[in-house]
Amino acid sequence: MVDERQEPVFDDALFRQKRKHGKYRVVDAPKLEGPVADTHAHLQLLPDPALALARCTVHGVEFVCTIVDVFEDGSTTFDRLNSWKFESAAAAKRFVGWT
């Protein structure tokens, strides 16, 4: 059974704006004035952490600090971080020229 409330995961680096009735439209990515850091990410809560890291790479986010509470989140982030980094590098290569 598909959860209607869960947003779709788009396998690209495009920015989308949610519209009515479950529709999305592609919008321009923000223009970054300089290096950007995400200092409070919860990668383990995302549907596809590697995809999120790939999007960061493509859009100029140079630093991501993921937050983990070992009592609430378990060891998922620690166990999967290296594979997320590897998968994100492959995805970022696919995205070159898409933005």
PDB file of N, CA and C in Angstrom:
ATOM      1  N   MET A   1       0.834  -1.186   0.000  1.00  0.00           N
ATOM      2  CA  MET A   1       0.000   0.000   0.000  1.00  0.00           C
ATOM      3  C   MET A   1       0.878   1.249   0.000  1.00  0.00           C
ATOM      4  N   VAL A   2       0.578   2.195  -0.873  1.00  0.00           N
ATOM      5  CA  VAL A   2       1.359   3.417  -1.008  1.00  0.00           C
ATOM      6  C   VAL A   2       0.795   4.482  -0.077  1.00  0.00           C
ATOM      7  N   ASP A   3       1.679   5.141   0.652  1.00  0.00           N
ATOM      8  CA  ASP A   3       1.276   6.222   1.547  1.00  0.00           C
ATOM      9  C   ASP A   3       1.107   7.489   0.716  1.00  0.00           C
ATOM     10  N   GLU A   4      -0.109   7.986   0.610  1.00  0.00           N
ATOM     11  CA  GLU A   4      -0.420   9.170  -0.196  1.00  0.00           C
ATOM     12  C   GLU A   4       0.263  10.432   0.331  1.00  0.00           C
ATOM     13  N   ARG A   5       0.571  10.453   1.621  1.00  0.00           N
ATOM     14  CA  ARG A   5       1.175  11.641   2.231  1.00  0.00           C
ATOM     15  C   ARG A   5       2.665  11.740   1.944  1.00  0.00           C
ATOM     16  N   GLN A   6       3.296  10.641   1.588  1.00  0.00           N
ATOM     17  CA  GLN A   6       4.729  10.649   1.338  1.00  0.00           C
ATOM     18  C   GLN A   6       5.020  11.287  -0.009  1.00  0.00           C
ATOM     19  N   GLU A   7       5.951  12.226  -0.004  1.00  0.00           N
ATOM     20  CA  GLU A   7       6.298  12.917  -1.242  1.00  0.00           C
ATOM     21  C   GLU A   7       7.155  12.011  -2.119  1.00  0.00           C
ATOM     22  N   PRO A   8       7.040  12.164  -3.439  1.00  0.00           N
ATOM     23  CA  PRO A   8       7.833  11.328  -4.335  1.00  0.00           C
ATOM     24  C   PRO A   8       9.318  11.693  -4.261  1.00  0.00           C
ATOM     25  N   VAL A   9      10.164  10.749  -4.599  1.00  0.00           N
ATOM     26  CA  VAL A   9      11.602  10.981  -4.673  1.00  0.00           C
ATOM     27  C   VAL A   9      11.950  11.099  -6.153  1.00  0.00           C
ATOM     28  N   PHE A  10      12.411  12.271  -6.563  1.00  0.00           N
ATOM     29  CA  PHE A  10      12.799  12.504  -7.945  1.00  0.00           C
ATOM     30  C   PHE A  10      14.294  12.227  -8.084  1.00  0.00           C
ATOM     31  N   ASP A  11      14.670  11.410  -9.026  1.00  0.00           N
ATOM     32  CA  ASP A  11      16.065  11.004  -9.199  1.00  0.00           C
ATOM     33  C   ASP A  11      16.786  11.971 -10.131  1.00  0.00           C
ATOM     34  N   ASP A  12      16.883  13.218  -9.694  1.00  0.00           N
ATOM     35  CA  ASP A  12      17.598  14.239 -10.452  1.00  0.00           C
ATOM     36  C   ASP A  12      18.010  15.343  -9.484  1.00  0.00           C
ATOM     37  N   ALA A  13      18.640  16.380 -10.007  1.00  0.00           N
ATOM     38  CA  ALA A  13      19.114  17.469  -9.152  1.00  0.00           C
ATOM     39  C   ALA A  13      18.269  18.728  -9.313  1.00  0.00           C
ATOM     40  N   LEU A  14      17.090  18.602  -9.892  1.00  0.00           N
ATOM     41  CA  LEU A  14      16.237  19.759 -10.128  1.00  0.00           C
ATOM     42  C   LEU A  14      15.499  20.169  -8.853  1.00  0.00           C
ATOM     43  N   PHE A  15      15.164  21.453  -8.768  1.00  0.00           N
ATOM     44  CA  PHE A  15      14.359  21.962  -7.664  1.00  0.00           C
ATOM     45  C   PHE A  15      12.906  21.947  -8.108  1.00  0.00           C
ATOM     46  N   ARG A  16      12.043  21.556  -7.211  1.00  0.00           N
ATOM     47  CA  ARG A  16      10.617  21.509  -7.524  1.00  0.00           C
ATOM     48  C   ARG A  16       9.800  22.234  -6.463  1.00  0.00           C
ATOM     49  N   GLN A  17       8.710  22.820  -6.926  1.00  0.00           N
ATOM     50  CA  GLN A  17       7.747  23.458  -6.031  1.00  0.00           C
ATOM     51  C   GLN A  17       6.500  22.597  -6.017  1.00  0.00           C
ATOM     52  N   LYS A  18       6.026  22.300  -4.825  1.00  0.00           N
ATOM     53  CA  LYS A  18       4.829  21.482  -4.704  1.00  0.00           C
ATOM     54  C   LYS A  18       3.610  22.321  -5.064  1.00  0.00           C
ATOM     55  N   ARG A  19       2.760  21.755  -5.890  1.00  0.00           N
ATOM     56  CA  ARG A  19       1.527  22.402  -6.322  1.00  0.00           C
ATOM     57  C   ARG A  19       0.336  21.646  -5.738  1.00  0.00           C
ATOM     58  N   LYS A  20      -0.839  22.011  -6.121  1.00  0.00           N
ATOM     59  CA  LYS A  20      -2.045  21.328  -5.648  1.00  0.00           C
ATOM     60  C   LYS A  20      -2.177  19.954  -6.293  1.00  0.00           C
ATOM     61  N   HIS A  21      -2.919  19.095  -5.631  1.00  0.00           N
ATOM     62  CA  HIS A  21      -3.290  17.774  -6.154  1.00  0.00           C
ATOM     63  C   HIS A  21      -2.079  16.883  -6.450  1.00  0.00           C
ATOM     64  N   GLY A  22      -1.029  17.006  -5.636  1.00  0.00           N
ATOM     65  CA  GLY A  22       0.130  16.138  -5.794  1.00  0.00           C
ATOM     66  C   GLY A  22       0.996  16.439  -7.001  1.00  0.00           C
ATOM     67  N   LYS A  23       0.853  17.617  -7.566  1.00  0.00           N
ATOM     68  CA  LYS A  23       1.649  18.013  -8.741  1.00  0.00           C
ATOM     69  C   LYS A  23       2.863  18.809  -8.280  1.00  0.00           C
ATOM     70  N   TYR A  24       3.898  18.776  -9.105  1.00  0.00           N
ATOM     71  CA  TYR A  24       5.121  19.524  -8.841  1.00  0.00           C
ATOM     72  C   TYR A  24       5.539  20.234 -10.118  1.00  0.00           C
ATOM     73  N   ARG A  25       6.189  21.388  -9.954  1.00  0.00           N
ATOM     74  CA  ARG A  25       6.747  22.061 -11.130  1.00  0.00           C
ATOM     75  C   ARG A  25       8.206  22.372 -10.856  1.00  0.00           C
ATOM     76  N   VAL A  26       9.011  22.297 -11.889  1.00  0.00           N
ATOM     77  CA  VAL A  26      10.442  22.584 -11.776  1.00  0.00           C
ATOM     78  C   VAL A  26      10.629  24.099 -11.680  1.00  0.00           C
ATOM     79  N   VAL A  27      11.458  24.512 -10.727  1.00  0.00           N
ATOM     80  CA  VAL A  27      11.774  25.927 -10.539  1.00  0.00           C
ATOM     81  C   VAL A  27      13.291  26.096 -10.568  1.00  0.00           C
ATOM     82  N   ASP A  28      13.739  27.331 -10.750  1.00  0.00           N
ATOM     83  CA  ASP A  28      15.174  27.603 -10.760  1.00  0.00           C
ATOM     84  C   ASP A  28      15.785  27.344  -9.393  1.00  0.00           C
ATOM     85  N   ALA A  29      16.981  26.803  -9.393  1.00  0.00           N
ATOM     86  CA  ALA A  29      17.724  26.605  -8.146  1.00  0.00           C
ATOM     87  C   ALA A  29      18.180  27.965  -7.625  1.00  0.00           C
ATOM     88  N   PRO A  30      18.282  28.116  -6.310  1.00  0.00           N
ATOM     89  CA  PRO A  30      18.779  29.393  -5.778  1.00  0.00           C
ATOM     90  C   PRO A  30      20.212  29.640  -6.232  1.00  0.00           C
ATOM     91  N   LYS A  31      20.525  30.885  -6.471  1.00  0.00           N
ATOM     92  CA  LYS A  31      21.890  31.275  -6.845  1.00  0.00           C
ATOM     93  C   LYS A  31      22.674  31.541  -5.566  1.00  0.00           C
ATOM     94  N   LEU A  32      23.710  30.758  -5.337  1.00  0.00           N
ATOM     95  CA  LEU A  32      24.501  30.885  -4.118  1.00  0.00           C
ATOM     96  C   LEU A  32      25.597  31.922  -4.322  1.00  0.00           C
ATOM     97  N   GLU A  33      25.748  32.801  -3.347  1.00  0.00           N
ATOM     98  CA  GLU A  33      26.735  33.877  -3.436  1.00  0.00           C
ATOM     99  C   GLU A  33      28.132  33.437  -3.004  1.00  0.00           C
ATOM    100  N   GLY A  34      28.218  32.331  -2.322  1.00  0.00           N
ATOM    101  CA  GLY A  34      29.503  31.854  -1.834  1.00  0.00           C
ATOM    102  C   GLY A  34      29.364  30.442  -1.315  1.00  0.00           C
ATOM    103  N   PRO A  35      30.395  29.932  -0.671  1.00  0.00           N
ATOM    104  CA  PRO A  35      30.338  28.576  -0.136  1.00  0.00           C
ATOM    105  C   PRO A  35      29.199  28.428   0.869  1.00  0.00           C
ATOM    106  N   VAL A  36      28.543  27.281   0.844  1.00  0.00           N
ATOM    107  CA  VAL A  36      27.417  27.014   1.735  1.00  0.00           C
ATOM    108  C   VAL A  36      27.700  25.753   2.539  1.00  0.00           C
ATOM    109  N   ALA A  37      27.299  25.784   3.809  1.00  0.00           N
ATOM    110  CA  ALA A  37      27.427  24.622   4.683  1.00  0.00           C
ATOM    111  C   ALA A  37      26.070  24.326   5.305  1.00  0.00           C
ATOM    112  N   ASP A  38      25.723  23.063   5.356  1.00  0.00           N
ATOM    113  CA  ASP A  38      24.532  22.624   6.092  1.00  0.00           C
ATOM    114  C   ASP A  38      25.061  22.062   7.400  1.00  0.00           C
ATOM    115  N   THR A  39      24.830  22.785   8.468  1.00  0.00           N
ATOM    116  CA  THR A  39      25.419  22.411   9.757  1.00  0.00           C
ATOM    117  C   THR A  39      24.480  21.619  10.648  1.00  0.00           C
ATOM    118  N   HIS A  40      23.301  21.242  10.129  1.00  0.00           N
ATOM    119  CA  HIS A  40      22.370  20.487  10.960  1.00  0.00           C
ATOM    120  C   HIS A  40      21.465  19.626  10.080  1.00  0.00           C
ATOM    121  N   ALA A  41      22.040  18.628   9.452  1.00  0.00           N
ATOM    122  CA  ALA A  41      21.278  17.723   8.586  1.00  0.00           C
ATOM    123  C   ALA A  41      20.959  16.435   9.337  1.00  0.00           C
ATOM    124  N   HIS A  42      19.827  15.851   9.038  1.00  0.00           N
ATOM    125  CA  HIS A  42      19.440  14.551   9.589  1.00  0.00           C
ATOM    126  C   HIS A  42      19.338  13.584   8.408  1.00  0.00           C
ATOM    127  N   LEU A  43      20.479  13.154   7.898  1.00  0.00           N
ATOM    128  CA  LEU A  43      20.495  12.305   6.702  1.00  0.00           C
ATOM    129  C   LEU A  43      19.684  11.035   6.878  1.00  0.00           C
ATOM    130  N   GLN A  44      19.720  10.446   8.051  1.00  0.00           N
ATOM    131  CA  GLN A  44      19.037   9.177   8.274  1.00  0.00           C
ATOM    132  C   GLN A  44      17.521   9.302   8.179  1.00  0.00           C
ATOM    133  N   LEU A  45      16.986  10.509   8.227  1.00  0.00           N
ATOM    134  CA  LEU A  45      15.544  10.715   8.133  1.00  0.00           C
ATOM    135  C   LEU A  45      15.058  10.938   6.700  1.00  0.00           C
ATOM    136  N   LEU A  46      15.987  11.090   5.772  1.00  0.00           N
ATOM    137  CA  LEU A  46      15.615  11.342   4.377  1.00  0.00           C
ATOM    138  C   LEU A  46      15.312  10.030   3.655  1.00  0.00           C
ATOM    139  N   PRO A  47      14.409  10.069   2.668  1.00  0.00           N
ATOM    140  CA  PRO A  47      14.098   8.843   1.933  1.00  0.00           C
ATOM    141  C   PRO A  47      15.297   8.305   1.150  1.00  0.00           C
ATOM    142  N   ASP A  48      16.182   9.195   0.683  1.00  0.00           N
ATOM    143  CA  ASP A  48      17.367   8.778  -0.073  1.00  0.00           C
ATOM    144  C   ASP A  48      18.537   9.701   0.282  1.00  0.00           C
ATOM    145  N   PRO A  49      19.267   9.400   1.362  1.00  0.00           N
ATOM    146  CA  PRO A  49      20.366  10.268   1.796  1.00  0.00           C
ATOM    147  C   PRO A  49      21.446  10.473   0.733  1.00  0.00           C
ATOM    148  N   ALA A  50      21.770   9.427  -0.021  1.00  0.00           N
ATOM    149  CA  ALA A  50      22.806   9.561  -1.056  1.00  0.00           C
ATOM    150  C   ALA A  50      22.365  10.556  -2.123  1.00  0.00           C
ATOM    151  N   LEU A  51      21.115  10.510  -2.499  1.00  0.00           N
ATOM    152  CA  LEU A  51      20.580  11.449  -3.488  1.00  0.00           C
ATOM    153  C   LEU A  51      20.650  12.875  -2.963  1.00  0.00           C
ATOM    154  N   ALA A  52      20.331  13.072  -1.698  1.00  0.00           N
ATOM    155  CA  ALA A  52      20.415  14.402  -1.094  1.00  0.00           C
ATOM    156  C   ALA A  52      21.848  14.921  -1.103  1.00  0.00           C
ATOM    157  N   LEU A  53      22.816  14.057  -0.790  1.00  0.00           N
ATOM    158  CA  LEU A  53      24.227  14.469  -0.814  1.00  0.00           C
ATOM    159  C   LEU A  53      24.678  14.800  -2.234  1.00  0.00           C
ATOM    160  N   ALA A  54      24.193  14.051  -3.226  1.00  0.00           N
ATOM    161  CA  ALA A  54      24.527  14.334  -4.621  1.00  0.00           C
ATOM    162  C   ALA A  54      23.991  15.704  -5.025  1.00  0.00           C
ATOM    163  N   ARG A  55      22.774  16.009  -4.612  1.00  0.00           N
ATOM    164  CA  ARG A  55      22.199  17.322  -4.917  1.00  0.00           C
ATOM    165  C   ARG A  55      23.019  18.431  -4.264  1.00  0.00           C
ATOM    166  N   CYS A  56      23.474  18.202  -3.040  1.00  0.00           N
ATOM    167  CA  CYS A  56      24.340  19.181  -2.380  1.00  0.00           C
ATOM    168  C   CYS A  56      25.592  19.437  -3.212  1.00  0.00           C
ATOM    169  N   THR A  57      26.199  18.373  -3.689  1.00  0.00           N
ATOM    170  CA  THR A  57      27.417  18.501  -4.495  1.00  0.00           C
ATOM    171  C   THR A  57      27.157  19.324  -5.746  1.00  0.00           C
ATOM    172  N   VAL A  58      26.108  18.997  -6.454  1.00  0.00           N
ATOM    173  CA  VAL A  58      25.793  19.671  -7.715  1.00  0.00           C
ATOM    174  C   VAL A  58      25.474  21.148  -7.504  1.00  0.00           C
ATOM    175  N   HIS A  59      24.856  21.493  -6.377  1.00  0.00           N
ATOM    176  CA  HIS A  59      24.417  22.863  -6.157  1.00  0.00           C
ATOM    177  C   HIS A  59      25.364  23.694  -5.292  1.00  0.00           C
ATOM    178  N   GLY A  60      26.545  23.173  -4.995  1.00  0.00           N
ATOM    179  CA  GLY A  60      27.569  23.977  -4.338  1.00  0.00           C
ATOM    180  C   GLY A  60      27.563  23.979  -2.825  1.00  0.00           C
ATOM    181  N   VAL A  61      26.864  23.042  -2.206  1.00  0.00           N
ATOM    182  CA  VAL A  61      26.948  22.924  -0.750  1.00  0.00           C
ATOM    183  C   VAL A  61      28.224  22.151  -0.458  1.00  0.00           C
ATOM    184  N   GLU A  62      29.183  22.822   0.165  1.00  0.00           N
ATOM    185  CA  GLU A  62      30.517  22.250   0.314  1.00  0.00           C
ATOM    186  C   GLU A  62      30.721  21.454   1.595  1.00  0.00           C
ATOM    187  N   PHE A  63      29.819  21.587   2.550  1.00  0.00           N
ATOM    188  CA  PHE A  63      29.993  20.911   3.836  1.00  0.00           C
ATOM    189  C   PHE A  63      28.626  20.507   4.366  1.00  0.00           C
ATOM    190  N   VAL A  64      28.494  19.260   4.798  1.00  0.00           N
ATOM    191  CA  VAL A  64      27.254  18.785   5.407  1.00  0.00           C
ATOM    192  C   VAL A  64      27.624  18.093   6.715  1.00  0.00           C
ATOM    193  N   CYS A  65      27.012  18.554   7.800  1.00  0.00           N
ATOM    194  CA  CYS A  65      27.208  17.946   9.105  1.00  0.00           C
ATOM    195  C   CYS A  65      25.910  17.247   9.478  1.00  0.00           C
ATOM    196  N   THR A  66      25.950  15.924   9.556  1.00  0.00           N
ATOM    197  CA  THR A  66      24.737  15.191   9.898  1.00  0.00           C
ATOM    198  C   THR A  66      24.661  15.009  11.407  1.00  0.00           C
ATOM    199  N   ILE A  67      23.477  15.172  11.929  1.00  0.00           N
ATOM    200  CA  ILE A  67      23.222  15.093  13.363  1.00  0.00           C
ATOM    201  C   ILE A  67      22.674  13.703  13.690  1.00  0.00           C
ATOM    202  N   VAL A  68      23.236  13.092  14.714  1.00  0.00           N
ATOM    203  CA  VAL A  68      22.810  11.746  15.090  1.00  0.00           C
ATOM    204  C   VAL A  68      22.632  11.676  16.600  1.00  0.00           C
ATOM    205  N   ASP A  69      21.507  11.139  17.012  1.00  0.00           N
ATOM    206  CA  ASP A  69      21.282  10.813  18.411  1.00  0.00           C
ATOM    207  C   ASP A  69      21.281   9.285  18.468  1.00  0.00           C
ATOM    208  N   VAL A  70      22.347   8.702  18.970  1.00  0.00           N
ATOM    209  CA  VAL A  70      22.489   7.249  18.927  1.00  0.00           C
ATOM    210  C   VAL A  70      21.379   6.526  19.670  1.00  0.00           C
ATOM    211  N   PHE A  71      20.755   7.181  20.627  1.00  0.00           N
ATOM    212  CA  PHE A  71      19.656   6.538  21.352  1.00  0.00           C
ATOM    213  C   PHE A  71      18.368   6.540  20.544  1.00  0.00           C
ATOM    214  N   GLU A  72      18.121   7.619  19.786  1.00  0.00           N
ATOM    215  CA  GLU A  72      16.904   7.713  18.985  1.00  0.00           C
ATOM    216  C   GLU A  72      17.095   7.178  17.567  1.00  0.00           C
ATOM    217  N   ASP A  73      18.241   7.452  16.967  1.00  0.00           N
ATOM    218  CA  ASP A  73      18.469   7.122  15.560  1.00  0.00           C
ATOM    219  C   ASP A  73      19.180   5.794  15.351  1.00  0.00           C
ATOM    220  N   GLY A  74      19.738   5.230  16.388  1.00  0.00           N
ATOM    221  CA  GLY A  74      20.497   3.996  16.218  1.00  0.00           C
ATOM    222  C   GLY A  74      21.810   4.264  15.511  1.00  0.00           C
ATOM    223  N   SER A  75      22.330   3.245  14.877  1.00  0.00           N
ATOM    224  CA  SER A  75      23.640   3.380  14.231  1.00  0.00           C
ATOM    225  C   SER A  75      23.543   3.497  12.711  1.00  0.00           C
ATOM    226  N   THR A  76      22.362   3.768  12.179  1.00  0.00           N
ATOM    227  CA  THR A  76      22.169   3.828  10.733  1.00  0.00           C
ATOM    228  C   THR A  76      23.164   4.753  10.047  1.00  0.00           C
ATOM    229  N   THR A  77      23.275   5.971  10.547  1.00  0.00           N
ATOM    230  CA  THR A  77      24.169   6.935   9.904  1.00  0.00           C
ATOM    231  C   THR A  77      25.610   6.444   9.928  1.00  0.00           C
ATOM    232  N   PHE A  78      26.056   5.948  11.063  1.00  0.00           N
ATOM    233  CA  PHE A  78      27.429   5.472  11.169  1.00  0.00           C
ATOM    234  C   PHE A  78      27.668   4.277  10.239  1.00  0.00           C
ATOM    235  N   ASP A  79      26.683   3.402  10.157  1.00  0.00           N
ATOM    236  CA  ASP A  79      26.816   2.199   9.331  1.00  0.00           C
ATOM    237  C   ASP A  79      26.753   2.499   7.840  1.00  0.00           C
ATOM    238  N   ARG A  80      26.001   3.499   7.444  1.00  0.00           N
ATOM    239  CA  ARG A  80      25.723   3.739   6.026  1.00  0.00           C
ATOM    240  C   ARG A  80      26.450   4.935   5.423  1.00  0.00           C
ATOM    241  N   LEU A  81      27.094   5.776   6.215  1.00  0.00           N
ATOM    242  CA  LEU A  81      27.659   7.024   5.703  1.00  0.00           C
ATOM    243  C   LEU A  81      28.618   6.800   4.543  1.00  0.00           C
ATOM    244  N   ASN A  82      29.519   5.847   4.647  1.00  0.00           N
ATOM    245  CA  ASN A  82      30.465   5.624   3.546  1.00  0.00           C
ATOM    246  C   ASN A  82      29.753   5.192   2.268  1.00  0.00           C
ATOM    247  N   SER A  83      28.749   4.339   2.370  1.00  0.00           N
ATOM    248  CA  SER A  83      28.027   3.934   1.159  1.00  0.00           C
ATOM    249  C   SER A  83      27.223   5.106   0.601  1.00  0.00           C
ATOM    250  N   TRP A  84      26.649   5.963   1.459  1.00  0.00           N
ATOM    251  CA  TRP A  84      25.944   7.145   0.975  1.00  0.00           C
ATOM    252  C   TRP A  84      26.886   8.061   0.208  1.00  0.00           C
ATOM    253  N   LYS A  85      28.103   8.239   0.724  1.00  0.00           N
ATOM    254  CA  LYS A  85      29.083   9.094   0.039  1.00  0.00           C
ATOM    255  C   LYS A  85      29.446   8.510  -1.325  1.00  0.00           C
ATOM    256  N   PHE A  86      29.658   7.211  -1.394  1.00  0.00           N
ATOM    257  CA  PHE A  86      30.004   6.552  -2.659  1.00  0.00           C
ATOM    258  C   PHE A  86      28.851   6.672  -3.659  1.00  0.00           C
ATOM    259  N   GLU A  87      27.628   6.369  -3.204  1.00  0.00           N
ATOM    260  CA  GLU A  87      26.453   6.452  -4.076  1.00  0.00           C
ATOM    261  C   GLU A  87      26.201   7.893  -4.534  1.00  0.00           C
ATOM    262  N   SER A  88      26.447   8.852  -3.653  1.00  0.00           N
ATOM    263  CA  SER A  88      26.207  10.251  -4.013  1.00  0.00           C
ATOM    264  C   SER A  88      27.198  10.727  -5.068  1.00  0.00           C
ATOM    265  N   ALA A  89      28.433  10.258  -5.014  1.00  0.00           N
ATOM    266  CA  ALA A  89      29.422  10.639  -6.025  1.00  0.00           C
ATOM    267  C   ALA A  89      28.995  10.137  -7.404  1.00  0.00           C
ATOM    268  N   ALA A  90      28.494   8.917  -7.471  1.00  0.00           N
ATOM    269  CA  ALA A  90      28.014   8.368  -8.749  1.00  0.00           C
ATOM    270  C   ALA A  90      26.806   9.150  -9.250  1.00  0.00           C
ATOM    271  N   ALA A  91      25.885   9.483  -8.357  1.00  0.00           N
ATOM    272  CA  ALA A  91      24.691  10.239  -8.757  1.00  0.00           C
ATOM    273  C   ALA A  91      25.065  11.643  -9.213  1.00  0.00           C
ATOM    274  N   ALA A  92      25.987  12.298  -8.526  1.00  0.00           N
ATOM    275  CA  ALA A  92      26.405  13.655  -8.900  1.00  0.00           C
ATOM    276  C   ALA A  92      26.996  13.662 -10.303  1.00  0.00           C
ATOM    277  N   LYS A  93      27.722  12.617 -10.665  1.00  0.00           N
ATOM    278  CA  LYS A  93      28.270  12.529 -12.031  1.00  0.00           C
ATOM    279  C   LYS A  93      27.151  12.456 -13.062  1.00  0.00           C
ATOM    280  N   ARG A  94      26.070  11.754 -12.731  1.00  0.00           N
ATOM    281  CA  ARG A  94      24.910  11.678 -13.642  1.00  0.00           C
ATOM    282  C   ARG A  94      24.247  13.037 -13.794  1.00  0.00           C
ATOM    283  N   PHE A  95      24.275  13.845 -12.729  1.00  0.00           N
ATOM    284  CA  PHE A  95      23.564  15.115 -12.722  1.00  0.00           C
ATOM    285  C   PHE A  95      24.315  16.242 -13.404  1.00  0.00           C
ATOM    286  N   VAL A  96      25.589  16.075 -13.692  1.00  0.00           N
ATOM    287  CA  VAL A  96      26.376  17.163 -14.287  1.00  0.00           C
ATOM    288  C   VAL A  96      25.692  17.593 -15.588  1.00  0.00           C
ATOM    289  N   GLY A  97      25.451  18.879 -15.682  1.00  0.00           N
ATOM    290  CA  GLY A  97      24.778  19.430 -16.860  1.00  0.00           C
ATOM    291  C   GLY A  97      23.274  19.491 -16.744  1.00  0.00           C
ATOM    292  N   TRP A  98      22.693  18.939 -15.657  1.00  0.00           N
ATOM    293  CA  TRP A  98      21.229  18.971 -15.485  1.00  0.00           C
ATOM    294  C   TRP A  98      20.763  20.261 -14.854  1.00  0.00           C
ATOM    295  N   THR A  99      21.650  20.935 -14.119  1.00  0.00           N
ATOM    296  CA  THR A  99      21.200  22.098 -13.356  1.00  0.00           C
ATOM    297  C   THR A  99      21.233  23.344 -14.193  1.00  0.00           C
TER     298      THR A  99
END
